[in-house]
Amino acid sequence: NISGWYIEGIASQNCYSNLLFTSKQKLVGFYLYQHN
């Protein structure tokens, strides 16, 4: 579900994203946002 929300947000909701990874490229987390 989390992955689905991320993909949907990027694809269809005109939003920005930032992802945080460890030095070994393991996903720590992400956030999605809109600006108006």
PDB file of all heavy atoms in Angstrom:
ATOM      1  N   ASN A   1       0.830  -1.208   0.000  1.00  0.00           N
ATOM      2  CA  ASN A   1       0.000   0.000   0.000  1.00  0.00           C
ATOM      3  C   ASN A   1       0.863   1.256   0.000  1.00  0.00           C
ATOM      4  O   ASN A   1       0.587   2.210  -0.732  1.00  0.00           O
ATOM      5  CB  ASN A   1      -0.935   0.026   1.202  1.00  0.00           C
ATOM      6  CG  ASN A   1      -2.081  -0.930   1.068  1.00  0.00           C
ATOM      7  OD1 ASN A   1      -2.395  -1.375  -0.029  1.00  0.00           O
ATOM      8  ND2 ASN A   1      -2.702  -1.267   2.176  1.00  0.00           N
ATOM      9  N   ILE A   2       1.911   1.259   0.832  1.00  0.00           N
ATOM     10  CA  ILE A   2       2.810   2.409   0.891  1.00  0.00           C
ATOM     11  C   ILE A   2       3.437   2.653  -0.476  1.00  0.00           C
ATOM     12  O   ILE A   2       3.466   3.774  -0.980  1.00  0.00           O
ATOM     13  CB  ILE A   2       3.914   2.195   1.955  1.00  0.00           C
ATOM     14  CG1 ILE A   2       3.319   2.173   3.361  1.00  0.00           C
ATOM     15  CG2 ILE A   2       5.006   3.251   1.845  1.00  0.00           C
ATOM     16  CD1 ILE A   2       2.753   3.481   3.845  1.00  0.00           C
ATOM     17  N   SER A   3       3.943   1.599  -1.108  1.00  0.00           N
ATOM     18  CA  SER A   3       4.537   1.725  -2.441  1.00  0.00           C
ATOM     19  C   SER A   3       3.512   2.226  -3.442  1.00  0.00           C
ATOM     20  O   SER A   3       3.813   3.063  -4.291  1.00  0.00           O
ATOM     21  CB  SER A   3       5.087   0.377  -2.911  1.00  0.00           C
ATOM     22  OG  SER A   3       6.112  -0.043  -2.072  1.00  0.00           O
ATOM     23  N   GLY A   4       2.297   1.720  -3.331  1.00  0.00           N
ATOM     24  CA  GLY A   4       1.222   2.154  -4.231  1.00  0.00           C
ATOM     25  C   GLY A   4       0.911   3.628  -4.079  1.00  0.00           C
ATOM     26  O   GLY A   4       0.725   4.339  -5.069  1.00  0.00           O
ATOM     27  N   TRP A   5       0.858   4.107  -2.834  1.00  0.00           N
ATOM     28  CA  TRP A   5       0.601   5.532  -2.596  1.00  0.00           C
ATOM     29  C   TRP A   5       1.706   6.382  -3.207  1.00  0.00           C
ATOM     30  O   TRP A   5       1.444   7.423  -3.800  1.00  0.00           O
ATOM     31  CB  TRP A   5       0.517   5.836  -1.108  1.00  0.00           C
ATOM     32  CG  TRP A   5      -0.655   5.238  -0.417  1.00  0.00           C
ATOM     33  CD1 TRP A   5      -1.865   4.907  -0.964  1.00  0.00           C
ATOM     34  CD2 TRP A   5      -0.733   4.893   0.953  1.00  0.00           C
ATOM     35  NE1 TRP A   5      -2.689   4.376  -0.011  1.00  0.00           N
ATOM     36  CE2 TRP A   5      -2.024   4.359   1.177  1.00  0.00           C
ATOM     37  CE3 TRP A   5       0.147   4.971   2.017  1.00  0.00           C
ATOM     38  CZ2 TRP A   5      -2.437   3.928   2.421  1.00  0.00           C
ATOM     39  CZ3 TRP A   5      -0.273   4.530   3.262  1.00  0.00           C
ATOM     40  CH2 TRP A   5      -1.550   4.019   3.454  1.00  0.00           C
ATOM     41  N   TYR A   6       2.941   5.927  -3.050  1.00  0.00           N
ATOM     42  CA  TYR A   6       4.065   6.681  -3.589  1.00  0.00           C
ATOM     43  C   TYR A   6       3.982   6.764  -5.113  1.00  0.00           C
ATOM     44  O   TYR A   6       4.067   7.843  -5.692  1.00  0.00           O
ATOM     45  CB  TYR A   6       5.396   6.046  -3.154  1.00  0.00           C
ATOM     46  CG  TYR A   6       6.579   6.790  -3.689  1.00  0.00           C
ATOM     47  CD1 TYR A   6       7.023   7.944  -3.055  1.00  0.00           C
ATOM     48  CD2 TYR A   6       7.224   6.380  -4.839  1.00  0.00           C
ATOM     49  CE1 TYR A   6       8.104   8.666  -3.555  1.00  0.00           C
ATOM     50  CE2 TYR A   6       8.305   7.088  -5.345  1.00  0.00           C
ATOM     51  CZ  TYR A   6       8.727   8.230  -4.696  1.00  0.00           C
ATOM     52  OH  TYR A   6       9.785   8.937  -5.207  1.00  0.00           O
ATOM     53  N   ILE A   7       3.789   5.637  -5.751  1.00  0.00           N
ATOM     54  CA  ILE A   7       3.719   5.592  -7.214  1.00  0.00           C
ATOM     55  C   ILE A   7       2.537   6.410  -7.725  1.00  0.00           C
ATOM     56  O   ILE A   7       2.663   7.181  -8.672  1.00  0.00           O
ATOM     57  CB  ILE A   7       3.665   4.134  -7.710  1.00  0.00           C
ATOM     58  CG1 ILE A   7       5.014   3.463  -7.412  1.00  0.00           C
ATOM     59  CG2 ILE A   7       3.320   4.064  -9.187  1.00  0.00           C
ATOM     60  CD1 ILE A   7       4.995   1.964  -7.541  1.00  0.00           C
ATOM     61  N   GLU A   8       1.385   6.275  -7.075  1.00  0.00           N
ATOM     62  CA  GLU A   8       0.204   7.040  -7.481  1.00  0.00           C
ATOM     63  C   GLU A   8       0.440   8.541  -7.314  1.00  0.00           C
ATOM     64  O   GLU A   8       0.090   9.346  -8.176  1.00  0.00           O
ATOM     65  CB  GLU A   8      -1.012   6.623  -6.660  1.00  0.00           C
ATOM     66  CG  GLU A   8      -2.261   7.415  -6.989  1.00  0.00           C
ATOM     67  CD  GLU A   8      -3.425   7.079  -6.074  1.00  0.00           C
ATOM     68  OE1 GLU A   8      -3.408   6.022  -5.425  1.00  0.00           O
ATOM     69  OE2 GLU A   8      -4.359   7.893  -6.017  1.00  0.00           O
ATOM     70  N   GLY A   9       1.046   8.919  -6.195  1.00  0.00           N
ATOM     71  CA  GLY A   9       1.301  10.329  -5.948  1.00  0.00           C
ATOM     72  C   GLY A   9       2.210  10.939  -6.991  1.00  0.00           C
ATOM     73  O   GLY A   9       1.955  12.025  -7.505  1.00  0.00           O
ATOM     74  N   ILE A  10       3.261  10.223  -7.343  1.00  0.00           N
ATOM     75  CA  ILE A  10       4.205  10.720  -8.333  1.00  0.00           C
ATOM     76  C   ILE A  10       3.559  10.772  -9.718  1.00  0.00           C
ATOM     77  O   ILE A  10       3.735  11.727 -10.467  1.00  0.00           O
ATOM     78  CB  ILE A  10       5.465   9.828  -8.377  1.00  0.00           C
ATOM     79  CG1 ILE A  10       6.230   9.937  -7.054  1.00  0.00           C
ATOM     80  CG2 ILE A  10       6.370  10.179  -9.545  1.00  0.00           C
ATOM     81  CD1 ILE A  10       6.710  11.328  -6.736  1.00  0.00           C
ATOM     82  N   ALA A  11       2.795   9.763 -10.045  1.00  0.00           N
ATOM     83  CA  ALA A  11       2.250   9.641 -11.395  1.00  0.00           C
ATOM     84  C   ALA A  11       1.084  10.576 -11.673  1.00  0.00           C
ATOM     85  O   ALA A  11       0.937  11.078 -12.780  1.00  0.00           O
ATOM     86  CB  ALA A  11       1.832   8.194 -11.652  1.00  0.00           C
ATOM     87  N   SER A  12       0.228  10.809 -10.694  1.00  0.00           N
ATOM     88  CA  SER A  12      -1.032  11.451 -11.056  1.00  0.00           C
ATOM     89  C   SER A  12      -1.444  12.648 -10.208  1.00  0.00           C
ATOM     90  O   SER A  12      -2.458  13.250 -10.491  1.00  0.00           O
ATOM     91  CB  SER A  12      -2.152  10.413 -10.996  1.00  0.00           C
ATOM     92  OG  SER A  12      -2.326   9.978  -9.654  1.00  0.00           O
ATOM     93  N   GLN A  13      -0.705  13.006  -9.198  1.00  0.00           N
ATOM     94  CA  GLN A  13      -1.209  14.042  -8.311  1.00  0.00           C
ATOM     95  C   GLN A  13      -0.375  15.314  -8.295  1.00  0.00           C
ATOM     96  O   GLN A  13      -0.477  16.114  -7.385  1.00  0.00           O
ATOM     97  CB  GLN A  13      -1.353  13.486  -6.894  1.00  0.00           C
ATOM     98  CG  GLN A  13      -2.387  12.398  -6.821  1.00  0.00           C
ATOM     99  CD  GLN A  13      -2.627  11.953  -5.399  1.00  0.00           C
ATOM    100  OE1 GLN A  13      -2.314  12.652  -4.453  1.00  0.00           O
ATOM    101  NE2 GLN A  13      -3.202  10.781  -5.235  1.00  0.00           N
ATOM    102  N   ASN A  14       0.474  15.507  -9.294  1.00  0.00           N
ATOM    103  CA  ASN A  14       1.244  16.738  -9.393  1.00  0.00           C
ATOM    104  C   ASN A  14       1.931  17.080  -8.075  1.00  0.00           C
ATOM    105  O   ASN A  14       1.689  18.120  -7.477  1.00  0.00           O
ATOM    106  CB  ASN A  14       0.342  17.893  -9.838  1.00  0.00           C
ATOM    107  CG  ASN A  14       1.154  19.104 -10.240  1.00  0.00           C
ATOM    108  OD1 ASN A  14       2.309  18.979 -10.647  1.00  0.00           O
ATOM    109  ND2 ASN A  14       0.555  20.274 -10.121  1.00  0.00           N
ATOM    110  N   CYS A  15       2.753  16.172  -7.618  1.00  0.00           N
ATOM    111  CA  CYS A  15       3.412  16.385  -6.339  1.00  0.00           C
ATOM    112  C   CYS A  15       4.915  16.201  -6.464  1.00  0.00           C
ATOM    113  O   CYS A  15       5.425  15.734  -7.474  1.00  0.00           O
ATOM    114  CB  CYS A  15       2.839  15.460  -5.287  1.00  0.00           C
ATOM    115  SG  CYS A  15       3.214  13.727  -5.556  1.00  0.00           S
ATOM    116  N   TYR A  16       5.593  16.592  -5.417  1.00  0.00           N
ATOM    117  CA  TYR A  16       7.036  16.461  -5.308  1.00  0.00           C
ATOM    118  C   TYR A  16       7.341  15.334  -4.329  1.00  0.00           C
ATOM    119  O   TYR A  16       6.527  15.033  -3.456  1.00  0.00           O
ATOM    120  CB  TYR A  16       7.659  17.754  -4.784  1.00  0.00           C
ATOM    121  CG  TYR A  16       7.324  18.967  -5.608  1.00  0.00           C
ATOM    122  CD1 TYR A  16       6.210  19.741  -5.313  1.00  0.00           C
ATOM    123  CD2 TYR A  16       8.133  19.335  -6.673  1.00  0.00           C
ATOM    124  CE1 TYR A  16       5.907  20.862  -6.060  1.00  0.00           C
ATOM    125  CE2 TYR A  16       7.831  20.458  -7.432  1.00  0.00           C
ATOM    126  CZ  TYR A  16       6.717  21.219  -7.116  1.00  0.00           C
ATOM    127  OH  TYR A  16       6.419  22.325  -7.859  1.00  0.00           O
ATOM    128  N   SER A  17       8.535  14.769  -4.449  1.00  0.00           N
ATOM    129  CA  SER A  17       8.901  13.709  -3.512  1.00  0.00           C
ATOM    130  C   SER A  17      10.366  13.811  -3.140  1.00  0.00           C
ATOM    131  O   SER A  17      11.173  14.406  -3.858  1.00  0.00           O
ATOM    132  CB  SER A  17       8.636  12.336  -4.123  1.00  0.00           C
ATOM    133  OG  SER A  17       9.566  12.063  -5.148  1.00  0.00           O
ATOM    134  N   ASN A  18      10.683  13.242  -2.013  1.00  0.00           N
ATOM    135  CA  ASN A  18      12.063  13.086  -1.572  1.00  0.00           C
ATOM    136  C   ASN A  18      12.177  11.724  -0.924  1.00  0.00           C
ATOM    137  O   ASN A  18      11.297  11.312  -0.155  1.00  0.00           O
ATOM    138  CB  ASN A  18      12.451  14.178  -0.581  1.00  0.00           C
ATOM    139  CG  ASN A  18      12.821  15.455  -1.285  1.00  0.00           C
ATOM    140  OD1 ASN A  18      13.884  15.550  -1.876  1.00  0.00           O
ATOM    141  ND2 ASN A  18      11.936  16.431  -1.225  1.00  0.00           N
ATOM    142  N   LEU A  19      13.245  11.035  -1.271  1.00  0.00           N
ATOM    143  CA  LEU A  19      13.516   9.719  -0.699  1.00  0.00           C
ATOM    144  C   LEU A  19      14.823   9.790   0.071  1.00  0.00           C
ATOM    145  O   LEU A  19      15.744  10.513  -0.321  1.00  0.00           O
ATOM    146  CB  LEU A  19      13.646   8.664  -1.803  1.00  0.00           C
ATOM    147  CG  LEU A  19      12.367   8.364  -2.564  1.00  0.00           C
ATOM    148  CD1 LEU A  19      12.278   9.222  -3.796  1.00  0.00           C
ATOM    149  CD2 LEU A  19      12.307   6.913  -2.938  1.00  0.00           C
ATOM    150  N   LEU A  20      14.903   9.032   1.149  1.00  0.00           N
ATOM    151  CA  LEU A  20      16.105   8.977   1.961  1.00  0.00           C
ATOM    152  C   LEU A  20      16.615   7.545   1.967  1.00  0.00           C
ATOM    153  O   LEU A  20      15.860   6.620   2.289  1.00  0.00           O
ATOM    154  CB  LEU A  20      15.797   9.440   3.388  1.00  0.00           C
ATOM    155  CG  LEU A  20      16.955   9.452   4.380  1.00  0.00           C
ATOM    156  CD1 LEU A  20      18.044  10.422   3.934  1.00  0.00           C
ATOM    157  CD2 LEU A  20      16.442   9.832   5.771  1.00  0.00           C
ATOM    158  N   PHE A  21      17.883   7.367   1.588  1.00  0.00           N
ATOM    159  CA  PHE A  21      18.510   6.054   1.537  1.00  0.00           C
ATOM    160  C   PHE A  21      19.725   6.023   2.457  1.00  0.00           C
ATOM    161  O   PHE A  21      20.349   7.055   2.710  1.00  0.00           O
ATOM    162  CB  PHE A  21      18.997   5.741   0.111  1.00  0.00           C
ATOM    163  CG  PHE A  21      17.905   5.519  -0.881  1.00  0.00           C
ATOM    164  CD1 PHE A  21      17.433   6.550  -1.661  1.00  0.00           C
ATOM    165  CD2 PHE A  21      17.352   4.256  -1.047  1.00  0.00           C
ATOM    166  CE1 PHE A  21      16.425   6.349  -2.590  1.00  0.00           C
ATOM    167  CE2 PHE A  21      16.348   4.044  -1.973  1.00  0.00           C
ATOM    168  CZ  PHE A  21      15.881   5.089  -2.743  1.00  0.00           C
ATOM    169  N   THR A  22      20.094   4.834   2.899  1.00  0.00           N
ATOM    170  CA  THR A  22      21.344   4.656   3.622  1.00  0.00           C
ATOM    171  C   THR A  22      22.488   4.669   2.611  1.00  0.00           C
ATOM    172  O   THR A  22      22.259   4.646   1.399  1.00  0.00           O
ATOM    173  CB  THR A  22      21.383   3.314   4.381  1.00  0.00           C
ATOM    174  OG1 THR A  22      21.413   2.246   3.430  1.00  0.00           O
ATOM    175  CG2 THR A  22      20.202   3.161   5.325  1.00  0.00           C
ATOM    176  N   SER A  23      23.708   4.653   3.105  1.00  0.00           N
ATOM    177  CA  SER A  23      24.862   4.610   2.209  1.00  0.00           C
ATOM    178  C   SER A  23      24.920   3.298   1.429  1.00  0.00           C
ATOM    179  O   SER A  23      25.572   3.211   0.399  1.00  0.00           O
ATOM    180  CB  SER A  23      26.159   4.797   3.002  1.00  0.00           C
ATOM    181  OG  SER A  23      26.293   3.774   3.962  1.00  0.00           O
ATOM    182  N   LYS A  24      24.183   2.288   1.902  1.00  0.00           N
ATOM    183  CA  LYS A  24      24.127   0.996   1.202  1.00  0.00           C
ATOM    184  C   LYS A  24      22.885   0.876   0.328  1.00  0.00           C
ATOM    185  O   LYS A  24      22.486  -0.217  -0.054  1.00  0.00           O
ATOM    186  CB  LYS A  24      24.182  -0.148   2.209  1.00  0.00           C
ATOM    187  CG  LYS A  24      25.489  -0.179   2.974  1.00  0.00           C
ATOM    188  CD  LYS A  24      25.521  -1.291   3.980  1.00  0.00           C
ATOM    189  CE  LYS A  24      26.850  -1.246   4.732  1.00  0.00           C
ATOM    190  NZ  LYS A  24      26.931  -2.267   5.762  1.00  0.00           N
ATOM    191  N   GLN A  25      22.271   2.024   0.034  1.00  0.00           N
ATOM    192  CA  GLN A  25      21.101   2.114  -0.848  1.00  0.00           C
ATOM    193  C   GLN A  25      19.859   1.402  -0.316  1.00  0.00           C
ATOM    194  O   GLN A  25      19.014   0.962  -1.080  1.00  0.00           O
ATOM    195  CB  GLN A  25      21.443   1.609  -2.259  1.00  0.00           C
ATOM    196  CG  GLN A  25      22.514   2.433  -2.952  1.00  0.00           C
ATOM    197  CD  GLN A  25      22.119   3.903  -3.062  1.00  0.00           C
ATOM    198  OE1 GLN A  25      21.061   4.229  -3.553  1.00  0.00           O
ATOM    199  NE2 GLN A  25      22.975   4.788  -2.583  1.00  0.00           N
ATOM    200  N   LYS A  26      19.729   1.308   0.991  1.00  0.00           N
ATOM    201  CA  LYS A  26      18.507   0.772   1.603  1.00  0.00           C
ATOM    202  C   LYS A  26      17.567   1.947   1.876  1.00  0.00           C
ATOM    203  O   LYS A  26      17.991   2.974   2.416  1.00  0.00           O
ATOM    204  CB  LYS A  26      18.822   0.031   2.898  1.00  0.00           C
ATOM    205  CG  LYS A  26      17.605  -0.565   3.548  1.00  0.00           C
ATOM    206  CD  LYS A  26      17.990  -1.490   4.676  1.00  0.00           C
ATOM    207  CE  LYS A  26      16.791  -1.912   5.470  1.00  0.00           C
ATOM    208  NZ  LYS A  26      16.035  -2.988   4.955  1.00  0.00           N
ATOM    209  N   LEU A  27      16.315   1.801   1.478  1.00  0.00           N
ATOM    210  CA  LEU A  27      15.341   2.876   1.668  1.00  0.00           C
ATOM    211  C   LEU A  27      15.046   3.069   3.154  1.00  0.00           C
ATOM    212  O   LEU A  27      14.664   2.130   3.845  1.00  0.00           O
ATOM    213  CB  LEU A  27      14.038   2.566   0.924  1.00  0.00           C
ATOM    214  CG  LEU A  27      12.938   3.619   1.059  1.00  0.00           C
ATOM    215  CD1 LEU A  27      13.344   4.927   0.387  1.00  0.00           C
ATOM    216  CD2 LEU A  27      11.633   3.107   0.475  1.00  0.00           C
ATOM    217  N   VAL A  28      15.253   4.284   3.635  1.00  0.00           N
ATOM    218  CA  VAL A  28      14.928   4.655   5.010  1.00  0.00           C
ATOM    219  C   VAL A  28      13.497   5.156   5.061  1.00  0.00           C
ATOM    220  O   VAL A  28      12.723   4.801   5.934  1.00  0.00           O
ATOM    221  CB  VAL A  28      15.890   5.744   5.533  1.00  0.00           C
ATOM    222  CG1 VAL A  28      15.449   6.246   6.897  1.00  0.00           C
ATOM    223  CG2 VAL A  28      17.314   5.226   5.573  1.00  0.00           C
ATOM    224  N   GLY A  29      13.125   6.004   4.101  1.00  0.00           N
ATOM    225  CA  GLY A  29      11.780   6.567   4.079  1.00  0.00           C
ATOM    226  C   GLY A  29      11.617   7.550   2.935  1.00  0.00           C
ATOM    227  O   GLY A  29      12.533   7.766   2.143  1.00  0.00           O
ATOM    228  N   PHE A  30      10.439   8.143   2.882  1.00  0.00           N
ATOM    229  CA  PHE A  30      10.145   9.129   1.842  1.00  0.00           C
ATOM    230  C   PHE A  30       9.029  10.043   2.301  1.00  0.00           C
ATOM    231  O   PHE A  30       8.332   9.764   3.274  1.00  0.00           O
ATOM    232  CB  PHE A  30       9.745   8.444   0.527  1.00  0.00           C
ATOM    233  CG  PHE A  30       8.428   7.729   0.572  1.00  0.00           C
ATOM    234  CD1 PHE A  30       7.241   8.414   0.340  1.00  0.00           C
ATOM    235  CD2 PHE A  30       8.361   6.375   0.849  1.00  0.00           C
ATOM    236  CE1 PHE A  30       6.019   7.764   0.373  1.00  0.00           C
ATOM    237  CE2 PHE A  30       7.148   5.715   0.886  1.00  0.00           C
ATOM    238  CZ  PHE A  30       5.977   6.413   0.649  1.00  0.00           C
ATOM    239  N   TYR A  31       8.876  11.135   1.587  1.00  0.00           N
ATOM    240  CA  TYR A  31       7.692  11.969   1.760  1.00  0.00           C
ATOM    241  C   TYR A  31       7.257  12.521   0.419  1.00  0.00           C
ATOM    242  O   TYR A  31       8.045  12.671  -0.501  1.00  0.00           O
ATOM    243  CB  TYR A  31       7.901  13.078   2.789  1.00  0.00           C
ATOM    244  CG  TYR A  31       8.915  14.144   2.448  1.00  0.00           C
ATOM    245  CD1 TYR A  31       8.546  15.254   1.696  1.00  0.00           C
ATOM    246  CD2 TYR A  31      10.216  14.057   2.909  1.00  0.00           C
ATOM    247  CE1 TYR A  31       9.474  16.249   1.403  1.00  0.00           C
ATOM    248  CE2 TYR A  31      11.145  15.054   2.623  1.00  0.00           C
ATOM    249  CZ  TYR A  31      10.761  16.141   1.873  1.00  0.00           C
ATOM    250  OH  TYR A  31      11.671  17.131   1.572  1.00  0.00           O
ATOM    251  N   LEU A  32       5.961  12.769   0.318  1.00  0.00           N
ATOM    252  CA  LEU A  32       5.333  13.374  -0.859  1.00  0.00           C
ATOM    253  C   LEU A  32       4.649  14.654  -0.420  1.00  0.00           C
ATOM    254  O   LEU A  32       4.046  14.702   0.650  1.00  0.00           O
ATOM    255  CB  LEU A  32       4.253  12.458  -1.437  1.00  0.00           C
ATOM    256  CG  LEU A  32       4.658  11.084  -1.942  1.00  0.00           C
ATOM    257  CD1 LEU A  32       3.418  10.249  -2.225  1.00  0.00           C
ATOM    258  CD2 LEU A  32       5.484  11.225  -3.194  1.00  0.00           C
ATOM    259  N   TYR A  33       4.719  15.696  -1.265  1.00  0.00           N
ATOM    260  CA  TYR A  33       4.035  16.925  -0.903  1.00  0.00           C
ATOM    261  C   TYR A  33       3.581  17.686  -2.139  1.00  0.00           C
ATOM    262  O   TYR A  33       4.086  17.472  -3.239  1.00  0.00           O
ATOM    263  CB  TYR A  33       4.918  17.813  -0.023  1.00  0.00           C
ATOM    264  CG  TYR A  33       6.126  18.408  -0.709  1.00  0.00           C
ATOM    265  CD1 TYR A  33       6.115  19.719  -1.161  1.00  0.00           C
ATOM    266  CD2 TYR A  33       7.288  17.669  -0.875  1.00  0.00           C
ATOM    267  CE1 TYR A  33       7.226  20.276  -1.779  1.00  0.00           C
ATOM    268  CE2 TYR A  33       8.413  18.220  -1.482  1.00  0.00           C
ATOM    269  CZ  TYR A  33       8.371  19.523  -1.933  1.00  0.00           C
ATOM    270  OH  TYR A  33       9.474  20.070  -2.537  1.00  0.00           O
ATOM    271  N   GLN A  34       2.621  18.554  -1.921  1.00  0.00           N
ATOM    272  CA  GLN A  34       2.130  19.467  -2.945  1.00  0.00           C
ATOM    273  C   GLN A  34       2.345  20.889  -2.450  1.00  0.00           C
ATOM    274  O   GLN A  34       2.314  21.144  -1.242  1.00  0.00           O
ATOM    275  CB  GLN A  34       0.643  19.248  -3.214  1.00  0.00           C
ATOM    276  CG  GLN A  34       0.342  17.919  -3.851  1.00  0.00           C
ATOM    277  CD  GLN A  34      -1.153  17.686  -4.022  1.00  0.00           C
ATOM    278  OE1 GLN A  34      -1.936  17.987  -3.143  1.00  0.00           O
ATOM    279  NE2 GLN A  34      -1.533  17.136  -5.160  1.00  0.00           N
ATOM    280  N   HIS A  35       2.541  21.792  -3.399  1.00  0.00           N
ATOM    281  CA  HIS A  35       2.751  23.200  -3.065  1.00  0.00           C
ATOM    282  C   HIS A  35       1.727  24.047  -3.813  1.00  0.00           C
ATOM    283  O   HIS A  35       1.471  23.817  -4.985  1.00  0.00           O
ATOM    284  CB  HIS A  35       4.169  23.623  -3.464  1.00  0.00           C
ATOM    285  CG  HIS A  35       4.400  25.084  -3.323  1.00  0.00           C
ATOM    286  ND1 HIS A  35       4.452  25.709  -2.102  1.00  0.00           N
ATOM    287  CD2 HIS A  35       4.575  26.047  -4.254  1.00  0.00           C
ATOM    288  CE1 HIS A  35       4.656  26.996  -2.295  1.00  0.00           C
ATOM    289  NE2 HIS A  35       4.726  27.230  -3.594  1.00  0.00           N
ATOM    290  N   ASN A  36       1.161  25.028  -3.103  1.00  0.00           N
ATOM    291  CA  ASN A  36       0.181  25.924  -3.708  1.00  0.00           C
ATOM    292  C   ASN A  36       0.381  27.326  -3.141  1.00  0.00           C
ATOM    293  O   ASN A  36      -0.049  27.605  -2.032  1.00  0.00           O
ATOM    294  CB  ASN A  36      -1.234  25.431  -3.423  1.00  0.00           C
ATOM    295  CG  ASN A  36      -2.283  26.266  -4.106  1.00  0.00           C
ATOM    296  OD1 ASN A  36      -1.970  27.192  -4.846  1.00  0.00           O
ATOM    297  ND2 ASN A  36      -3.527  25.957  -3.848  1.00  0.00           N
TER     298      ASN A  36
END
